[in-house]
Every structure is written in C-alpha cells, then in structure tokens.
Amino acid sequence: MPSQPASRKRLDEVVAAIRRLPSIIGQMACLAGYRDPNSGIYSHPGILDRRVGPDVDRELRLLHESIFQQWLNLRLEDQKGDLDAYLSSLPYDRVTVIRTWATIESYRCLMPATASSAERQLFLSNVETLLRIGMTAFSGVKPSSAQQPLGSAILTIQEASDLLRVAPRTLRLWAELGEIPAVKVGRQWRFRLRDVEEWLVRPITPRRNR
C-alpha cells in the first residue's frame, strides 16, 4: 500500500490535471466520472489508499461544486464557446454528440449533487438552449414562425419561452442580463421574432478584455 504522503501528492496531481482541461464543462464531465452513481462518493482509480479516501471524496466534491458555479457564472455566449471547446475535444462527430445528448439527456449527470433547484434549472435550460442552437446550426434551418401559433412578430415572454423551450423565469433572467435581445414595456418583456431567430443562429463573437 502506498504511503499516505505519496497518495496525498497523487491527489494534488489529479486536481491539477483536472484544472488543466481546456473546457469547464469538460472538467465537470471528468469529475462526474469519478463519482459513484449509487453512493455519490468521489474516488480515483490511481489512489487506492483508503486512509486518504475521505480526502479524495471531499476535494473532488468541492472542486466539482466550484467548477459548476464557475460555468453558471459565464455569459451564455461564453457557455456556448466552452461547450464548443469540449465537443471539439471528443473523439466523436459533433452532430452525433449533440443528438445523443438531446436524446438521452446525459448532461444531467454533470451537475454536482449539492446544486440547488434554481441552479439545476438554470444549468439545464442553458444547456438545452445551446443544444437547440447546435442542432439549428448543423441542420441549416432557422426556426420557422409558421410552426408557432404566434400571430405577431412581437412575442410575449410566454410565446418566446414556448419558441425557445426554456422556462419563462430563465428567459426573463436572460433579458435582464442582456443575454438575449428584448425590450421592456412597462413591467413586461417583449421579443421580436426576427431578433430571437437571429440570436439562435448568430456566430459567437469572442469577448475582449476578460
């Protein structure tokens, strides 16, 4: 059995290696892979010393929570860039991954167990919107207003929510943060259908001075 100091050093190396992964969502995927789906306990196959098992569980759990919060704090356009970087690192075709995620919703396992209900809803809404954008991009088809019973080029928050398939509360937050084009009329948000369709397929412009 390896000495405790050696195992502790190995744990530090594991944490450093995870942090060096090029995408935040890739770091979350890595950490989720070290979590037992039945017990929720984190472990690593290269650290077998049971004496440091609690340390491995604690540090990987805290790292998972920290990285999850880091991703949630990104602007939606930066979340898209991060997801694109992760998809590009996988040995699979991007279209296949997006379709698989959309079908079996494997992205749900990326969240730490301690995420609050609001954090879970925000994460799921954002990821699902990004997948929708990805599917629109590779299909080359813009969302069609003819498929939606809208009747007007100006959408209410509920109509825009139905079109984008995200919760109205999430859409309101995006509007308040300037993540999506919107206009506030009194206490109500309104969305131009053309703006929403262009927002879905617009290229992401890298932010400067970050």
Protein backbone atom coordinates (compact mmCIF):
# COMPACT_ATOMS: atom_id res chain seq x y z
CA MET A 1 0.00 0.00 0.00
CA PRO A 2 1.46 3.42 -0.92
CA SER A 3 2.34 5.81 1.87
CA GLN A 4 -0.18 8.47 2.86
CA PRO A 5 2.09 11.37 1.75
CA ALA A 6 2.50 9.73 -1.67
CA SER A 7 -1.27 9.32 -2.01
CA ARG A 8 -1.78 12.92 -0.92
CA LYS A 9 0.67 14.07 -3.57
CA ARG A 10 -1.14 11.97 -6.16
CA LEU A 11 -4.44 13.64 -5.21
CA ASP A 12 -2.87 17.07 -5.70
CA GLU A 13 -1.69 15.94 -9.16
CA VAL A 14 -5.18 14.70 -10.05
CA VAL A 15 -6.78 18.02 -9.06
CA ALA A 16 -4.17 19.96 -11.05
CA ALA A 17 -4.73 17.74 -14.10
CA ILE A 18 -8.48 18.31 -13.97
CA ARG A 19 -8.00 22.07 -13.76
CA ARG A 20 -5.77 21.96 -16.85
CA LEU A 21 -8.53 20.50 -19.02
CA PRO A 22 -9.35 23.09 -21.73
CA SER A 23 -13.08 23.42 -21.04
CA ILE A 24 -15.03 23.93 -17.84
CA ILE A 25 -17.78 21.56 -18.88
CA GLY A 26 -15.06 19.01 -19.69
CA GLN A 27 -13.77 19.38 -16.15
CA MET A 28 -17.30 18.75 -14.86
CA ALA A 29 -17.61 15.67 -17.07
CA CYS A 30 -14.31 14.34 -15.72
CA LEU A 31 -15.37 14.88 -12.11
CA ALA A 32 -18.78 13.34 -12.71
CA GLY A 33 -16.93 10.26 -13.97
CA TYR A 34 -15.11 9.94 -10.63
CA ARG A 35 -18.41 9.99 -8.71
CA ASP A 36 -20.10 6.70 -7.86
CA PRO A 37 -23.66 6.85 -9.27
CA ASN A 38 -25.04 4.87 -6.34
CA SER A 39 -23.31 6.40 -3.33
CA GLY A 40 -22.33 9.80 -4.71
CA ILE A 41 -18.81 9.26 -3.31
CA TYR A 42 -15.87 10.51 -5.38
CA SER A 43 -12.81 8.30 -5.84
CA HIS A 44 -9.92 7.90 -8.26
CA PRO A 45 -8.54 4.63 -9.66
CA GLY A 46 -4.98 5.84 -9.15
CA ILE A 47 -5.46 6.48 -5.42
CA LEU A 48 -6.17 3.23 -3.59
CA ASP A 49 -5.02 4.21 -0.09
CA ARG A 50 -8.20 4.01 1.99
CA ARG A 51 -6.74 6.39 4.56
CA VAL A 52 -6.98 9.27 2.08
CA GLY A 53 -10.34 8.15 0.68
CA PRO A 54 -12.25 10.81 2.64
CA ASP A 55 -9.80 13.45 1.40
CA VAL A 56 -10.31 12.34 -2.21
CA ASP A 57 -14.08 12.48 -1.81
CA ARG A 58 -14.02 15.89 -0.14
CA GLU A 59 -11.58 17.59 -2.53
CA LEU A 60 -13.14 16.27 -5.72
CA ARG A 61 -16.61 17.14 -4.43
CA LEU A 62 -15.56 20.71 -3.59
CA LEU A 63 -13.81 21.05 -6.94
CA HIS A 64 -16.93 19.85 -8.75
CA GLU A 65 -19.08 22.40 -6.89
CA SER A 66 -16.60 25.21 -7.60
CA ILE A 67 -16.31 24.43 -11.31
CA PHE A 68 -20.09 24.13 -11.66
CA GLN A 69 -20.51 27.61 -10.15
CA GLN A 70 -17.82 28.92 -12.48
CA TRP A 71 -19.75 27.64 -15.52
CA LEU A 72 -23.05 29.05 -14.28
CA ASN A 73 -21.44 32.48 -13.90
CA LEU A 74 -20.41 32.58 -17.56
CA ARG A 75 -22.45 34.58 -20.05
CA LEU A 76 -24.49 32.37 -22.34
CA GLU A 77 -22.21 33.15 -25.29
CA ASP A 78 -19.20 32.05 -23.25
CA GLN A 79 -21.01 28.89 -22.17
CA LYS A 80 -21.51 28.16 -25.87
CA GLY A 81 -17.81 28.71 -26.53
CA ASP A 82 -16.92 26.42 -23.64
CA LEU A 83 -19.30 23.71 -24.85
CA ASP A 84 -17.90 24.02 -28.38
CA ALA A 85 -14.38 23.54 -27.00
CA TYR A 86 -15.49 20.42 -25.13
CA LEU A 87 -17.28 18.94 -28.15
CA SER A 88 -14.21 19.59 -30.28
CA SER A 89 -12.07 17.61 -27.82
CA LEU A 90 -14.20 14.46 -28.07
CA PRO A 91 -13.33 11.62 -30.49
CA TYR A 92 -16.86 11.71 -31.90
CA ASP A 93 -18.66 13.69 -34.56
CA ARG A 94 -20.20 16.88 -33.09
CA VAL A 95 -23.60 16.16 -34.65
CA THR A 96 -23.65 12.68 -33.10
CA VAL A 97 -22.82 14.04 -29.64
CA ILE A 98 -25.43 16.80 -29.80
CA ARG A 99 -28.13 14.38 -30.96
CA THR A 100 -27.16 11.87 -28.27
CA TRP A 101 -27.21 14.50 -25.53
CA ALA A 102 -30.58 15.76 -26.72
CA THR A 103 -31.97 12.21 -26.77
CA ILE A 104 -30.72 10.66 -23.53
CA GLU A 105 -30.01 13.92 -21.64
CA SER A 106 -26.66 12.65 -20.38
CA TYR A 107 -25.67 16.22 -19.49
CA ARG A 108 -27.87 15.96 -16.39
CA CYS A 109 -25.19 13.88 -14.65
CA LEU A 110 -22.66 16.73 -14.97
CA MET A 111 -24.19 18.66 -12.07
CA PRO A 112 -22.91 18.22 -8.50
CA ALA A 113 -25.39 16.69 -6.07
CA THR A 114 -25.37 19.85 -3.96
CA ALA A 115 -26.70 22.10 -6.75
CA SER A 116 -29.86 23.92 -5.72
CA SER A 117 -33.14 23.55 -7.59
CA ALA A 118 -32.69 27.01 -9.16
CA GLU A 119 -29.12 26.20 -10.20
CA ARG A 120 -30.23 22.93 -11.74
CA GLN A 121 -33.00 24.62 -13.69
CA LEU A 122 -30.65 27.32 -14.97
CA PHE A 123 -28.00 24.78 -15.98
CA LEU A 124 -30.47 22.53 -17.76
CA SER A 125 -32.22 25.43 -19.51
CA ASN A 126 -28.93 26.85 -20.76
CA VAL A 127 -27.51 23.53 -21.94
CA GLU A 128 -30.75 22.61 -23.68
CA THR A 129 -30.82 26.01 -25.40
CA LEU A 130 -27.21 25.53 -26.55
CA LEU A 131 -28.09 22.08 -27.90
CA ARG A 132 -31.03 23.60 -29.76
CA ILE A 133 -28.69 26.23 -31.24
CA GLY A 134 -26.26 23.46 -32.22
CA MET A 135 -28.98 21.41 -33.89
CA THR A 136 -30.19 24.50 -35.75
CA ALA A 137 -26.63 25.25 -36.90
CA PHE A 138 -25.88 21.82 -38.37
CA SER A 139 -29.35 21.46 -39.91
CA GLY A 140 -29.05 24.84 -41.63
CA VAL A 141 -32.71 25.55 -40.89
CA LYS A 142 -33.82 28.58 -38.94
CA PRO A 143 -36.73 28.29 -36.54
CA SER A 144 -39.88 28.94 -38.54
CA SER A 145 -42.57 31.25 -37.24
CA ALA A 146 -45.07 29.25 -39.29
CA GLN A 147 -44.55 26.37 -36.87
CA GLN A 148 -45.57 28.50 -33.90
CA PRO A 149 -49.09 29.88 -33.26
CA LEU A 150 -47.77 33.35 -32.57
CA GLY A 151 -49.78 35.55 -34.95
CA SER A 152 -47.40 38.51 -34.49
CA ALA A 153 -43.74 39.49 -34.95
CA ILE A 154 -43.71 40.74 -31.34
CA LEU A 155 -43.62 37.96 -28.76
CA THR A 156 -44.63 37.95 -25.13
CA ILE A 157 -42.31 36.26 -22.68
CA GLN A 158 -44.55 33.16 -22.72
CA GLU A 159 -44.54 33.00 -26.53
CA ALA A 160 -40.76 33.41 -26.65
CA SER A 161 -40.46 30.81 -23.91
CA ASP A 162 -42.54 28.34 -25.92
CA LEU A 163 -40.45 29.01 -29.03
CA LEU A 164 -37.11 28.53 -27.27
CA ARG A 165 -38.36 25.77 -24.95
CA VAL A 166 -36.97 27.38 -21.82
CA ALA A 167 -38.75 28.42 -18.65
CA PRO A 168 -40.19 31.98 -18.63
CA ARG A 169 -38.20 32.67 -15.45
CA THR A 170 -34.97 31.75 -17.22
CA LEU A 171 -35.86 33.85 -20.26
CA ARG A 172 -36.65 36.81 -18.01
CA LEU A 173 -33.24 36.45 -16.39
CA TRP A 174 -31.54 36.36 -19.79
CA ALA A 175 -33.41 39.51 -20.83
CA GLU A 176 -32.44 41.33 -17.63
CA LEU A 177 -28.78 40.34 -18.11
CA GLY A 178 -28.79 41.33 -21.78
CA GLU A 179 -28.16 37.75 -22.93
CA ILE A 180 -30.99 37.90 -25.47
CA PRO A 181 -32.40 40.90 -27.40
CA ALA A 182 -35.52 42.19 -25.63
CA VAL A 183 -37.40 45.37 -24.86
CA LYS A 184 -39.13 46.16 -21.59
CA VAL A 185 -42.57 47.71 -21.98
CA GLY A 186 -43.67 48.85 -18.54
CA ARG A 187 -43.10 45.76 -16.40
CA GLN A 188 -43.34 43.31 -19.29
CA TRP A 189 -40.63 42.00 -21.62
CA ARG A 190 -41.27 41.81 -25.36
CA PHE A 191 -39.21 40.00 -28.01
CA ARG A 192 -39.09 40.50 -31.78
CA LEU A 193 -39.41 37.17 -33.56
CA ARG A 194 -36.71 38.15 -36.04
CA ASP A 195 -34.31 39.04 -33.21
CA VAL A 196 -34.94 35.71 -31.48
CA GLU A 197 -34.37 33.72 -34.69
CA GLU A 198 -31.16 35.63 -35.45
CA TRP A 199 -30.00 35.19 -31.85
CA LEU A 200 -30.41 31.42 -32.17
CA VAL A 201 -28.04 31.14 -35.12
CA ARG A 202 -25.73 34.14 -34.76
CA PRO A 203 -21.98 33.41 -34.60
CA ILE A 204 -20.40 33.87 -31.20
CA THR A 205 -18.01 36.84 -31.07
CA PRO A 206 -15.11 36.33 -28.61
CA ARG A 207 -15.23 38.81 -25.76
CA ARG A 208 -12.23 41.03 -25.15
CA ASN A 209 -10.55 42.34 -22.04
CA ARG A 210 -11.67 39.44 -19.93
